[in-house]
Structure formats: C-alpha cells, structure tokens
C-alpha cells in the first residue's frame, strides 16, 4: 500500500485522537485540582411540601482540605433571601463526589442539604443534584479563576 499525503495525514490525525483519548481516560480528579473559586446557579422545584420554584446564584470557594464557604442569593417561591454557605466535600478519582451543605440566614442554620457532584475532566466545571427528598434541584458551577 502506497502512502499518499492524504493517508499520512489521516494516520497522523488518527494517532493523535487515540493518544488524546488515552490521556483523557487516564486522568484522575483530585481535591487539589477541584479547589478554587466557583460561580454557580441552582434551579428547580421544592415539590414536597409544595413550596414551588427554587433558584439561586452564588459563589463558593472549595479548599484542598475539603471545605466549602460562600454566599448566595436565593429565591424560594419568589421570596428572596441572602444566605451563607459552609460545607464539606469529597472528590473521587472518577471525578464524582458529594457534599454536605449547611445554609445560614445570618447565624441561624436554615437547612442542611446533601448533594452529589461530578466535575468535568479539567475540573473547571461541576454539576450537582440535591439528594433531599421532595426536591428537584440541580446546580451548575464554573471556576471563576485559576489559582
């Protein structure tokens, strides 16, 4: 079989794709890589009890030691409230994780939620879902800065 410029190019591209796929598959997520400042939005519904729509926008800082701190503006059925957040989180090598989130109104604990998370392969973005019964709420967060 004669190597033509088109076949050489196709072979080179194929090899590059296989190499990048192998490198992507070998990536493992870590607490250190997930650490940083994120901006996020949450949206969904509190179904039981029938409260209604839930939306939040905020920012959090994830530390390498597994803590989260931040603040958000939340709308629950159209009622706005400023909240602060303290949490702990884990990151698994497969880029999944979980967090236990404590939400405060001033110094008063308003609620505690458990969420499951998944990070993209570069740990610049995460998605999450609340595991609280009676809720249908998801979160999308994106790293705000590279430190």
N, C-alpha and C. Protein backbone atom coordinates (compact mmCIF):
# COMPACT_ATOMS: atom_id res chain seq x y z
N UNK A 1 0.85 -1.17 0.00
CA UNK A 1 0.00 0.00 0.00
C UNK A 1 0.89 1.23 0.00
N UNK A 2 0.63 2.12 -0.93
CA UNK A 2 1.41 3.32 -1.10
C UNK A 2 0.89 4.41 -0.16
N UNK A 3 1.81 5.07 0.57
CA UNK A 3 1.42 6.16 1.46
C UNK A 3 1.29 7.44 0.65
N UNK A 4 0.09 7.94 0.59
CA UNK A 4 -0.16 9.21 -0.07
C UNK A 4 -0.23 10.29 1.00
N UNK A 5 -0.12 11.55 0.62
CA UNK A 5 -0.24 12.61 1.63
C UNK A 5 -1.55 12.54 2.40
N UNK A 6 -2.62 12.15 1.75
CA UNK A 6 -3.92 12.06 2.43
C UNK A 6 -3.90 10.93 3.46
N UNK A 7 -3.32 9.78 3.11
CA UNK A 7 -3.24 8.66 4.06
C UNK A 7 -2.32 9.00 5.22
N UNK A 8 -1.23 9.68 4.94
CA UNK A 8 -0.30 10.08 6.00
C UNK A 8 -1.01 11.02 6.96
N UNK A 9 -1.75 11.98 6.45
CA UNK A 9 -2.49 12.92 7.28
C UNK A 9 -3.56 12.19 8.10
N UNK A 10 -4.28 11.29 7.47
CA UNK A 10 -5.32 10.54 8.17
C UNK A 10 -4.71 9.68 9.28
N UNK A 11 -3.57 9.06 9.01
CA UNK A 11 -2.90 8.26 10.04
C UNK A 11 -2.43 9.12 11.20
N UNK A 12 -1.89 10.28 10.90
CA UNK A 12 -1.41 11.19 11.95
C UNK A 12 -2.57 11.67 12.82
N UNK A 13 -3.67 12.04 12.19
CA UNK A 13 -4.85 12.50 12.94
C UNK A 13 -5.40 11.37 13.79
N UNK A 14 -5.49 10.17 13.23
CA UNK A 14 -5.99 9.02 13.98
C UNK A 14 -5.13 8.73 15.20
N UNK A 15 -3.82 8.77 15.02
CA UNK A 15 -2.90 8.53 16.14
C UNK A 15 -3.04 9.62 17.20
N UNK A 16 -3.19 10.85 16.79
CA UNK A 16 -3.36 11.95 17.74
C UNK A 16 -4.65 11.79 18.53
N UNK A 17 -5.73 11.40 17.87
CA UNK A 17 -7.00 11.19 18.56
C UNK A 17 -6.92 10.04 19.56
N UNK A 18 -6.28 8.96 19.17
CA UNK A 18 -6.13 7.82 20.08
C UNK A 18 -5.28 8.21 21.29
N UNK A 19 -4.22 8.96 21.07
CA UNK A 19 -3.34 9.38 22.17
C UNK A 19 -4.09 10.31 23.11
N UNK A 20 -4.85 11.27 22.58
CA UNK A 20 -5.58 12.19 23.46
C UNK A 20 -6.70 11.47 24.20
N UNK A 21 -7.34 10.49 23.57
CA UNK A 21 -8.38 9.72 24.25
C UNK A 21 -7.77 8.91 25.38
N UNK A 22 -6.59 8.35 25.16
CA UNK A 22 -5.92 7.58 26.21
C UNK A 22 -5.53 8.49 27.38
N UNK A 23 -5.00 9.66 27.10
CA UNK A 23 -4.64 10.60 28.16
C UNK A 23 -5.86 11.05 28.93
N UNK A 24 -6.98 11.30 28.24
CA UNK A 24 -8.20 11.73 28.91
C UNK A 24 -8.72 10.62 29.82
N UNK A 25 -8.65 9.39 29.35
CA UNK A 25 -9.14 8.27 30.15
C UNK A 25 -8.28 8.05 31.38
N UNK A 26 -7.00 8.43 31.33
CA UNK A 26 -6.09 8.20 32.43
C UNK A 26 -6.19 9.29 33.51
N UNK A 27 -6.85 10.39 33.23
CA UNK A 27 -6.95 11.49 34.19
C UNK A 27 -7.76 11.08 35.42
N UNK A 28 -7.24 11.41 36.58
CA UNK A 28 -7.98 11.21 37.82
C UNK A 28 -8.17 12.55 38.49
N UNK A 29 -9.37 12.80 38.99
CA UNK A 29 -9.67 14.04 39.68
C UNK A 29 -9.12 13.99 41.11
N UNK A 30 -8.73 15.17 41.61
CA UNK A 30 -8.19 15.28 42.97
C UNK A 30 -8.80 16.48 43.67
N UNK A 31 -8.68 16.49 45.00
CA UNK A 31 -9.14 17.63 45.80
C UNK A 31 -8.37 18.89 45.38
N UNK A 32 -7.07 18.73 45.15
CA UNK A 32 -6.23 19.88 44.79
C UNK A 32 -6.69 20.50 43.48
N UNK A 33 -7.04 19.67 42.49
CA UNK A 33 -7.48 20.19 41.20
C UNK A 33 -8.88 20.81 41.28
N UNK A 34 -9.73 20.27 42.14
CA UNK A 34 -11.09 20.81 42.28
C UNK A 34 -11.10 22.11 43.09
N UNK A 35 -10.08 22.32 43.93
CA UNK A 35 -10.04 23.52 44.77
C UNK A 35 -10.04 24.79 43.92
N UNK A 36 -10.72 25.82 44.41
CA UNK A 36 -10.75 27.10 43.72
C UNK A 36 -12.06 27.82 43.96
N UNK A 37 -12.19 28.96 43.30
CA UNK A 37 -13.40 29.78 43.41
C UNK A 37 -14.32 29.48 42.24
N UNK A 38 -15.61 29.26 42.54
CA UNK A 38 -16.60 28.93 41.52
C UNK A 38 -17.78 29.90 41.62
N UNK A 39 -18.37 30.23 40.49
CA UNK A 39 -19.67 30.88 40.43
C UNK A 39 -20.66 29.82 40.01
N UNK A 40 -21.90 29.90 40.48
CA UNK A 40 -22.87 28.84 40.16
C UNK A 40 -24.29 29.37 40.14
N UNK A 41 -25.15 28.57 39.52
CA UNK A 41 -26.59 28.77 39.56
C UNK A 41 -27.25 27.46 39.96
N UNK A 42 -28.32 27.56 40.71
CA UNK A 42 -29.15 26.41 41.09
C UNK A 42 -30.56 26.70 40.60
N UNK A 43 -31.24 25.67 40.17
CA UNK A 43 -32.64 25.86 39.81
C UNK A 43 -33.39 24.55 39.94
N UNK A 44 -34.67 24.68 40.17
CA UNK A 44 -35.52 23.51 40.30
C UNK A 44 -36.78 23.84 41.06
N UNK A 45 -37.32 22.81 41.72
CA UNK A 45 -38.59 22.95 42.42
C UNK A 45 -38.54 22.21 43.74
N UNK A 46 -39.14 22.82 44.75
CA UNK A 46 -39.38 22.11 46.01
C UNK A 46 -40.79 21.56 45.89
N UNK A 47 -40.87 20.24 45.76
CA UNK A 47 -42.12 19.56 45.45
C UNK A 47 -42.90 19.21 46.72
N UNK A 48 -42.20 18.69 47.73
CA UNK A 48 -42.85 18.25 48.97
C UNK A 48 -42.14 18.86 50.16
N UNK A 49 -42.78 19.72 50.92
CA UNK A 49 -44.13 20.24 50.69
C UNK A 49 -44.15 21.11 49.43
N UNK A 50 -45.32 21.35 48.91
CA UNK A 50 -45.47 22.08 47.65
C UNK A 50 -45.14 23.55 47.84
N UNK A 51 -43.82 23.85 47.84
CA UNK A 51 -43.35 25.23 48.03
C UNK A 51 -43.29 25.95 46.70
N UNK A 52 -42.72 25.30 45.68
CA UNK A 52 -42.64 25.91 44.35
C UNK A 52 -41.22 26.04 43.86
N UNK A 53 -41.01 27.01 42.96
CA UNK A 53 -39.71 27.14 42.30
C UNK A 53 -38.60 27.56 43.27
N UNK A 54 -37.39 27.06 42.98
CA UNK A 54 -36.18 27.38 43.74
C UNK A 54 -35.12 27.81 42.75
N UNK A 55 -34.52 28.96 42.98
CA UNK A 55 -33.42 29.45 42.15
C UNK A 55 -32.41 30.13 43.05
N UNK A 56 -31.13 29.94 42.74
CA UNK A 56 -30.08 30.62 43.50
C UNK A 56 -28.92 30.93 42.57
N UNK A 57 -28.21 32.00 42.89
CA UNK A 57 -26.97 32.33 42.20
C UNK A 57 -25.98 32.71 43.30
N UNK A 58 -24.75 32.19 43.18
CA UNK A 58 -23.80 32.46 44.24
C UNK A 58 -22.38 32.14 43.85
N UNK A 59 -21.53 32.18 44.87
CA UNK A 59 -20.12 31.86 44.69
C UNK A 59 -19.63 31.07 45.90
N UNK A 60 -18.72 30.15 45.65
CA UNK A 60 -18.14 29.34 46.71
C UNK A 60 -16.65 29.17 46.47
N UNK A 61 -15.94 28.93 47.55
CA UNK A 61 -14.53 28.59 47.47
C UNK A 61 -14.36 27.18 48.02
N UNK A 62 -13.80 26.30 47.22
CA UNK A 62 -13.51 24.93 47.63
C UNK A 62 -12.04 24.86 48.00
N UNK A 63 -11.74 24.32 49.18
CA UNK A 63 -10.36 24.21 49.62
C UNK A 63 -9.80 22.82 49.34
N UNK A 64 -8.49 22.71 49.32
CA UNK A 64 -7.84 21.42 49.12
C UNK A 64 -8.09 20.48 50.28
N UNK A 65 -8.49 21.03 51.44
CA UNK A 65 -8.74 20.19 52.61
C UNK A 65 -10.19 19.70 52.68
N UNK A 66 -11.02 20.08 51.69
CA UNK A 66 -12.38 19.55 51.63
C UNK A 66 -13.45 20.40 52.28
N UNK A 67 -13.20 21.70 52.42
CA UNK A 67 -14.23 22.59 52.95
C UNK A 67 -14.71 23.53 51.86
N UNK A 68 -15.93 24.02 52.05
CA UNK A 68 -16.55 24.97 51.12
C UNK A 68 -17.08 26.13 51.95
N UNK A 69 -16.88 27.35 51.44
CA UNK A 69 -17.51 28.53 52.05
C UNK A 69 -17.97 29.44 50.92
N UNK A 70 -19.07 30.18 51.17
CA UNK A 70 -19.57 31.06 50.13
C UNK A 70 -20.85 31.74 50.52
N UNK A 71 -21.49 32.33 49.52
CA UNK A 71 -22.74 33.05 49.73
C UNK A 71 -23.58 32.96 48.46
N UNK A 72 -24.91 33.11 48.65
CA UNK A 72 -25.82 33.06 47.52
C UNK A 72 -27.04 33.92 47.78
N UNK A 73 -27.65 34.35 46.69
CA UNK A 73 -28.97 34.97 46.74
C UNK A 73 -29.95 33.92 46.25
N UNK A 74 -30.96 33.65 47.06
CA UNK A 74 -31.89 32.57 46.77
C UNK A 74 -33.31 33.10 46.64
N UNK A 75 -34.04 32.55 45.68
CA UNK A 75 -35.47 32.82 45.53
C UNK A 75 -36.20 31.50 45.73
N UNK A 76 -37.02 31.46 46.78
CA UNK A 76 -37.85 30.28 47.04
C UNK A 76 -39.29 30.72 46.90
N UNK A 77 -39.95 30.25 45.84
CA UNK A 77 -41.33 30.64 45.53
C UNK A 77 -41.46 32.16 45.46
N UNK A 78 -40.42 32.82 44.93
CA UNK A 78 -40.46 34.27 44.75
C UNK A 78 -40.02 35.08 45.96
N UNK A 79 -39.70 34.43 47.07
CA UNK A 79 -39.22 35.14 48.26
C UNK A 79 -37.69 35.14 48.25
N UNK A 80 -37.09 36.32 48.24
CA UNK A 80 -35.64 36.45 48.14
C UNK A 80 -34.99 36.46 49.51
N UNK A 81 -33.84 35.79 49.61
CA UNK A 81 -33.10 35.77 50.87
C UNK A 81 -31.60 35.66 50.56
N UNK A 82 -30.80 36.38 51.35
CA UNK A 82 -29.34 36.29 51.25
C UNK A 82 -28.88 35.19 52.21
N UNK A 83 -28.03 34.28 51.71
CA UNK A 83 -27.61 33.14 52.51
C UNK A 83 -26.10 32.97 52.45
N UNK A 84 -25.54 32.39 53.52
CA UNK A 84 -24.14 31.99 53.51
C UNK A 84 -24.07 30.47 53.57
N UNK A 85 -22.95 29.95 53.13
CA UNK A 85 -22.79 28.50 52.98
C UNK A 85 -21.50 28.04 53.64
N UNK A 86 -21.60 26.95 54.38
CA UNK A 86 -20.44 26.24 54.92
C UNK A 86 -20.67 24.76 54.60
N UNK A 87 -19.65 24.07 54.13
CA UNK A 87 -19.85 22.69 53.71
C UNK A 87 -18.54 21.91 53.77
N UNK A 88 -18.68 20.60 53.63
CA UNK A 88 -17.55 19.72 53.41
C UNK A 88 -17.84 18.94 52.13
N UNK A 89 -16.77 18.55 51.42
CA UNK A 89 -16.97 17.82 50.17
C UNK A 89 -15.87 16.79 49.98
N UNK A 90 -16.15 15.84 49.08
CA UNK A 90 -15.18 14.83 48.68
C UNK A 90 -15.08 14.82 47.16
N UNK A 91 -13.93 14.36 46.67
CA UNK A 91 -13.71 14.17 45.24
C UNK A 91 -13.15 12.76 45.06
N UNK A 92 -13.76 12.00 44.18
CA UNK A 92 -13.29 10.66 43.86
C UNK A 92 -12.43 10.70 42.60
N UNK A 93 -11.54 9.73 42.41
CA UNK A 93 -10.69 9.72 41.21
C UNK A 93 -11.49 9.75 39.90
N UNK A 94 -12.73 9.22 39.91
CA UNK A 94 -13.55 9.21 38.69
C UNK A 94 -14.29 10.53 38.47
N UNK A 95 -13.93 11.57 39.22
CA UNK A 95 -14.47 12.93 39.09
C UNK A 95 -15.88 13.08 39.64
N UNK A 96 -16.35 12.12 40.42
CA UNK A 96 -17.60 12.27 41.14
C UNK A 96 -17.28 12.68 42.57
N UNK A 97 -18.28 13.10 43.30
CA UNK A 97 -18.08 13.46 44.70
C UNK A 97 -19.40 13.76 45.37
N UNK A 98 -19.30 14.23 46.60
CA UNK A 98 -20.51 14.58 47.34
C UNK A 98 -20.17 15.72 48.29
N UNK A 99 -21.21 16.36 48.80
CA UNK A 99 -21.03 17.45 49.76
C UNK A 99 -22.20 17.47 50.72
N UNK A 100 -21.91 17.86 51.94
CA UNK A 100 -22.94 18.16 52.93
C UNK A 100 -22.88 19.66 53.15
N UNK A 101 -23.97 20.34 52.79
CA UNK A 101 -24.00 21.80 52.73
C UNK A 101 -24.92 22.35 53.83
N UNK A 102 -24.38 23.27 54.63
CA UNK A 102 -25.14 23.96 55.67
C UNK A 102 -25.39 25.39 55.19
N UNK A 103 -26.66 25.78 55.11
CA UNK A 103 -27.05 27.09 54.61
C UNK A 103 -27.58 27.91 55.78
N UNK A 104 -27.06 29.13 55.90
CA UNK A 104 -27.40 30.00 57.03
C UNK A 104 -28.10 31.28 56.57
N UNK A 105 -29.03 31.73 57.40
CA UNK A 105 -29.62 33.08 57.30
C UNK A 105 -29.03 33.82 58.49
N UNK A 106 -28.04 34.68 58.23
CA UNK A 106 -27.31 35.29 59.33
C UNK A 106 -26.54 34.20 60.05
N UNK A 107 -26.78 34.05 61.37
CA UNK A 107 -26.10 33.00 62.13
C UNK A 107 -27.01 31.79 62.38
N UNK A 108 -28.22 31.83 61.82
CA UNK A 108 -29.20 30.76 62.04
C UNK A 108 -29.13 29.74 60.91
N UNK A 109 -28.95 28.46 61.27
CA UNK A 109 -28.96 27.39 60.28
C UNK A 109 -30.36 27.27 59.69
N UNK A 110 -30.47 27.46 58.36
CA UNK A 110 -31.77 27.39 57.69
C UNK A 110 -32.06 25.98 57.17
N UNK A 111 -31.02 25.29 56.67
CA UNK A 111 -31.21 23.95 56.15
C UNK A 111 -29.86 23.29 55.93
N UNK A 112 -29.88 21.99 55.86
CA UNK A 112 -28.70 21.19 55.51
C UNK A 112 -29.10 20.31 54.34
N UNK A 113 -28.28 20.32 53.30
CA UNK A 113 -28.57 19.52 52.11
C UNK A 113 -27.37 18.66 51.77
N UNK A 114 -27.64 17.47 51.26
CA UNK A 114 -26.60 16.60 50.73
C UNK A 114 -26.74 16.64 49.21
N UNK A 115 -25.61 16.78 48.52
CA UNK A 115 -25.63 16.83 47.07
C UNK A 115 -24.59 15.85 46.51
N UNK A 116 -24.87 15.35 45.33
CA UNK A 116 -23.88 14.58 44.57
C UNK A 116 -23.34 15.48 43.48
N UNK A 117 -22.03 15.36 43.23
CA UNK A 117 -21.35 16.22 42.27
C UNK A 117 -20.63 15.40 41.21
N UNK A 118 -20.37 16.04 40.08
CA UNK A 118 -19.48 15.49 39.06
C UNK A 118 -18.74 16.67 38.43
N UNK A 119 -17.42 16.52 38.29
CA UNK A 119 -16.58 17.55 37.68
C UNK A 119 -16.25 17.15 36.26
N UNK A 120 -16.01 18.16 35.40
CA UNK A 120 -15.51 17.84 34.06
C UNK A 120 -14.06 17.38 34.19
N UNK A 121 -13.49 16.92 33.11
CA UNK A 121 -12.17 16.29 33.16
C UNK A 121 -11.07 17.26 33.57
N UNK A 122 -11.27 18.55 33.37
CA UNK A 122 -10.25 19.53 33.76
C UNK A 122 -10.58 20.17 35.10
N UNK A 123 -11.67 19.75 35.71
CA UNK A 123 -12.15 20.25 36.99
C UNK A 123 -12.33 21.77 37.00
N UNK A 124 -12.82 22.28 35.86
CA UNK A 124 -13.16 23.69 35.75
C UNK A 124 -14.65 23.93 35.92
N UNK A 125 -15.43 22.86 35.86
CA UNK A 125 -16.88 22.98 35.94
C UNK A 125 -17.43 21.78 36.70
N UNK A 126 -18.49 22.02 37.48
CA UNK A 126 -19.16 20.91 38.14
C UNK A 126 -20.66 21.00 37.94
N UNK A 127 -21.30 19.86 38.07
CA UNK A 127 -22.75 19.75 38.07
C UNK A 127 -23.13 19.00 39.33
N UNK A 128 -24.29 19.31 39.88
CA UNK A 128 -24.70 18.65 41.12
C UNK A 128 -26.21 18.51 41.15
N UNK A 129 -26.66 17.60 42.02
CA UNK A 129 -28.09 17.42 42.25
C UNK A 129 -28.32 17.26 43.74
N UNK A 130 -29.38 17.89 44.22
CA UNK A 130 -29.77 17.75 45.62
C UNK A 130 -30.32 16.35 45.84
N UNK A 131 -29.97 15.74 46.96
CA UNK A 131 -30.47 14.41 47.29
C UNK A 131 -31.59 14.49 48.31
N UNK A 132 -32.07 15.69 48.61
CA UNK A 132 -33.14 15.89 49.58
C UNK A 132 -34.47 15.41 48.98
N UNK A 133 -35.14 14.51 49.70
CA UNK A 133 -36.45 14.03 49.24
C UNK A 133 -37.40 15.21 49.06
N UNK A 134 -38.18 15.17 48.01
CA UNK A 134 -39.15 16.23 47.75
C UNK A 134 -38.58 17.43 47.01
N UNK A 135 -37.33 17.32 46.55
CA UNK A 135 -36.75 18.40 45.76
C UNK A 135 -36.36 17.90 44.39
N UNK A 136 -36.32 18.82 43.46
CA UNK A 136 -35.85 18.57 42.10
C UNK A 136 -34.98 19.76 41.74
N UNK A 137 -33.77 19.80 42.32
CA UNK A 137 -32.90 20.97 42.17
C UNK A 137 -31.54 20.51 41.69
N UNK A 138 -31.01 21.22 40.68
CA UNK A 138 -29.67 20.93 40.17
C UNK A 138 -28.82 22.21 40.21
N UNK A 139 -27.52 22.03 40.12
CA UNK A 139 -26.56 23.13 40.22
C UNK A 139 -25.57 23.01 39.06
N UNK A 140 -25.17 24.15 38.51
CA UNK A 140 -24.09 24.22 37.52
C UNK A 140 -23.12 25.26 37.99
N UNK A 141 -21.85 24.86 38.20
CA UNK A 141 -20.82 25.77 38.67
C UNK A 141 -19.63 25.79 37.75
N UNK A 142 -18.99 26.95 37.66
CA UNK A 142 -17.84 27.13 36.79
C UNK A 142 -16.75 27.85 37.55
N UNK A 143 -15.49 27.41 37.42
CA UNK A 143 -14.37 28.04 38.09
C UNK A 143 -14.25 29.48 37.63
N UNK A 144 -14.10 30.38 38.61
CA UNK A 144 -14.02 31.81 38.32
C UNK A 144 -12.58 32.25 38.06
N UNK A 145 -11.61 31.57 38.66
CA UNK A 145 -10.22 31.95 38.48
C UNK A 145 -9.34 30.73 38.62
N UNK A 146 -8.18 30.81 38.00
CA UNK A 146 -7.19 29.74 38.10
C UNK A 146 -6.12 30.19 39.07
N UNK A 147 -6.03 29.51 40.19
CA UNK A 147 -5.04 29.91 41.20
C UNK A 147 -3.95 28.89 41.31
